[in-house]
C-alpha atoms as a PDB file:
ATOM      1  CA  MET A   1      54.810 146.828 149.888  1.00  0.00           C
ATOM      2  CA  ARG A   2      51.321 148.102 149.192  1.00  0.00           C
ATOM      3  CA  THR A   3      48.416 147.052 151.377  1.00  0.00           C
ATOM      4  CA  LEU A   4      44.692 147.282 150.774  1.00  0.00           C
ATOM      5  CA  GLU A   5      42.677 147.740 153.961  1.00  0.00           C
ATOM      6  CA  VAL A   6      38.928 147.102 153.595  1.00  0.00           C
ATOM      7  CA  ARG A   7      36.566 148.140 156.376  1.00  0.00           C
ATOM      8  CA  ARG A   8      32.817 148.037 156.738  1.00  0.00           C
ATOM      9  CA  HIS A   9      31.053 151.095 158.127  1.00  0.00           C
ATOM     10  CA  SER A  10      30.815 151.357 161.888  1.00  0.00           C
ATOM     11  CA  LEU A  11      27.798 150.786 164.125  1.00  0.00           C
ATOM     12  CA  THR A  12      24.825 152.957 163.225  1.00  0.00           C
ATOM     13  CA  LYS A  13      21.922 154.405 165.167  1.00  0.00           C
ATOM     14  CA  LYS A  14      18.695 152.418 165.183  1.00  0.00           C
ATOM     15  CA  GLY A  15      15.047 153.382 165.193  1.00  0.00           C
ATOM     16  CA  SER A  16      13.738 156.936 165.179  1.00  0.00           C
ATOM     17  CA  THR A  17      17.147 158.491 165.976  1.00  0.00           C
ATOM     18  CA  ARG A  18      18.795 157.043 162.847  1.00  0.00           C
ATOM     19  CA  GLU A  19      18.292 160.080 160.622  1.00  0.00           C
ATOM     20  CA  ALA A  20      18.938 162.686 163.330  1.00  0.00           C
ATOM     21  CA  GLY A  21      22.435 164.130 162.906  1.00  0.00           C
ATOM     22  CA  SER A  22      25.107 161.486 162.393  1.00  0.00           C
ATOM     23  CA  LEU A  23      24.129 158.021 161.192  1.00  0.00           C
ATOM     24  CA  LEU A  24      26.783 156.438 163.408  1.00  0.00           C
ATOM     25  CA  SER A  25      25.936 155.605 166.998  1.00  0.00           C
ATOM     26  CA  GLY A  26      28.070 156.905 169.861  1.00  0.00           C
ATOM     27  CA  GLU A  27      29.450 153.384 170.298  1.00  0.00           C
ATOM     28  CA  GLY A  28      30.295 153.262 166.589  1.00  0.00           C
ATOM     29  CA  VAL A  29      32.272 156.510 166.769  1.00  0.00           C
ATOM     30  CA  SER A  30      34.076 155.338 169.938  1.00  0.00           C
ATOM     31  CA  ARG A  31      35.100 152.057 168.287  1.00  0.00           C
ATOM     32  CA  GLU A  32      36.499 153.860 165.254  1.00  0.00           C
ATOM     33  CA  ARG A  33      38.470 156.271 167.440  1.00  0.00           C
ATOM     34  CA  GLN A  34      40.029 153.268 169.238  1.00  0.00           C
ATOM     35  CA  LEU A  35      40.814 151.684 165.869  1.00  0.00           C
ATOM     36  CA  SER A  36      42.620 154.820 164.714  1.00  0.00           C
ATOM     37  CA  VAL A  37      45.346 154.188 167.307  1.00  0.00           C
ATOM     38  CA  GLU A  38      45.978 150.676 165.936  1.00  0.00           C
ATOM     39  CA  LEU A  39      46.084 151.470 162.201  1.00  0.00           C
ATOM     40  CA  HIS A  40      49.235 152.322 160.315  1.00  0.00           C
ATOM     41  CA  ALA A  41      49.476 155.379 158.079  1.00  0.00           C
ATOM     42  CA  ILE A  42      47.014 155.309 155.192  1.00  0.00           C
ATOM     43  CA  SER A  43      47.954 157.197 152.042  1.00  0.00           C
ATOM     44  CA  TYR A  44      44.656 157.139 150.118  1.00  0.00           C
ATOM     45  CA  VAL A  45      41.108 156.675 151.453  1.00  0.00           C
ATOM     46  CA  VAL A  46      38.095 155.771 149.312  1.00  0.00           C
ATOM     47  CA  THR A  47      34.568 155.371 150.646  1.00  0.00           C
ATOM     48  CA  GLY A  48      31.243 154.420 149.195  1.00  0.00           C
ATOM     49  CA  PRO A  49      28.568 157.044 148.593  1.00  0.00           C
ATOM     50  CA  ASP A  50      26.601 156.499 151.808  1.00  0.00           C
ATOM     51  CA  ARG A  51      26.898 159.016 154.630  1.00  0.00           C
ATOM     52  CA  ARG A  52      27.759 156.269 157.132  1.00  0.00           C
ATOM     53  CA  HIS A  53      30.810 155.359 155.017  1.00  0.00           C
ATOM     54  CA  LEU A  54      32.120 158.921 155.106  1.00  0.00           C
ATOM     55  CA  GLU A  55      31.345 159.296 158.819  1.00  0.00           C
ATOM     56  CA  THR A  56      33.252 156.089 159.604  1.00  0.00           C
ATOM     57  CA  ALA A  57      36.379 157.297 157.797  1.00  0.00           C
ATOM     58  CA  ILE A  58      36.218 160.659 159.551  1.00  0.00           C
ATOM     59  CA  ALA A  59      35.677 159.017 162.968  1.00  0.00           C
ATOM     60  CA  ILE A  60      38.852 156.982 162.400  1.00  0.00           C
ATOM     61  CA  GLY A  61      40.622 160.249 161.629  1.00  0.00           C
ATOM     62  CA  PHE A  62      41.030 159.918 157.860  1.00  0.00           C
ATOM     63  CA  VAL A  63      40.656 162.516 155.173  1.00  0.00           C
ATOM     64  CA  VAL A  64      38.558 160.993 152.380  1.00  0.00           C
ATOM     65  CA  ASP A  65      40.255 161.256 148.980  1.00  0.00           C
ATOM     66  CA  ALA A  66      37.382 159.902 146.883  1.00  0.00           C
ATOM     67  CA  MET A  67      33.839 158.590 147.117  1.00  0.00           C
ATOM     68  CA  ILE A  68      32.804 155.984 144.545  1.00  0.00           C
ATOM     69  CA  GLU A  69      29.728 153.966 143.633  1.00  0.00           C
ATOM     70  CA  TRP A  70      30.077 150.193 143.711  1.00  0.00           C
ATOM     71  CA  PRO A  71      27.595 147.374 143.212  1.00  0.00           C
ATOM     72  CA  SER A  72      25.825 146.013 146.271  1.00  0.00           C
ATOM     73  CA  GLY A  73      26.446 142.354 145.457  1.00  0.00           C
ATOM     74  CA  TYR A  74      22.752 141.548 145.884  1.00  0.00           C
ATOM     75  CA  ILE A  75      20.747 140.066 143.024  1.00  0.00           C
ATOM     76  CA  PRO A  76      17.116 138.981 143.463  1.00  0.00           C
ATOM     77  CA  ALA A  77      16.711 135.174 143.511  1.00  0.00           C
ATOM     78  CA  VAL A  78      20.515 134.740 143.768  1.00  0.00           C
ATOM     79  CA  ILE A  79      21.580 136.731 146.837  1.00  0.00           C
ATOM     80  CA  GLU A  80      18.887 138.669 148.630  1.00  0.00           C
ATOM     81  CA  HIS A  81      19.707 141.558 150.939  1.00  0.00           C
ATOM     82  CA  HIS A  82      21.814 140.310 153.898  1.00  0.00           C
ATOM     83  CA  ASP A  83      21.457 136.604 152.969  1.00  0.00           C
ATOM     84  CA  GLN A  84      25.162 136.126 153.660  1.00  0.00           C
ATOM     85  CA  TRP A  85      24.629 136.822 157.362  1.00  0.00           C
ATOM     86  CA  CYS A  86      22.900 133.430 157.661  1.00  0.00           C
ATOM     87  CA  TRP A  87      25.395 131.399 155.606  1.00  0.00           C
ATOM     88  CA  GLU A  88      27.655 128.956 157.447  1.00  0.00           C
ATOM     89  CA  ARG A  89      30.670 129.755 155.233  1.00  0.00           C
ATOM     90  CA  PRO A  90      29.819 133.072 153.573  1.00  0.00           C
ATOM     91  CA  PHE A  91      33.101 133.652 151.710  1.00  0.00           C
ATOM     92  CA  GLU A  92      33.128 130.159 150.230  1.00  0.00           C
ATOM     93  CA  ARG A  93      29.497 130.381 149.201  1.00  0.00           C
ATOM     94  CA  TYR A  94      29.933 133.832 147.688  1.00  0.00           C
ATOM     95  CA  ALA A  95      32.992 132.613 145.735  1.00  0.00           C
ATOM     96  CA  HIS A  96      30.926 129.701 144.384  1.00  0.00           C
ATOM     97  CA  LEU A  97      28.100 132.052 143.386  1.00  0.00           C
ATOM     98  CA  LEU A  98      30.574 134.337 141.620  1.00  0.00           C
ATOM     99  CA  ARG A  99      31.828 131.381 139.574  1.00  0.00           C
ATOM    100  CA  THR A 100      28.367 130.067 138.670  1.00  0.00           C
ATOM    101  CA  HIS A 101      26.113 133.147 138.230  1.00  0.00           C
ATOM    102  CA  SER A 102      27.205 135.453 135.431  1.00  0.00           C
ATOM    103  CA  PRO A 103      24.875 138.322 136.470  1.00  0.00           C
ATOM    104  CA  LEU A 104      26.634 138.444 139.836  1.00  0.00           C
ATOM    105  CA  ARG A 105      30.076 138.572 138.201  1.00  0.00           C
END
């Protein structure tokens, strides 16, 4: 059976240290190293184009097979940046918006 595992990037540095060296924080790297023990074998790894995506995969211990561009899912006046963090039921609301807003689809 094939499985698709989707992960968000790990914890990043904040403030003035964000752009110095790695984008991931020490805690972010530690969490991903712990996760690597729990994950089963992964045969193909794809990340987004951001450095934090690549760094997360490497911290877990993966070799990245491909980096691809994908849409952000944010559209002005429909879904603003990080709106979903305030929604009570974000997956249900996003599904509704996908059905009713053709630009988002």
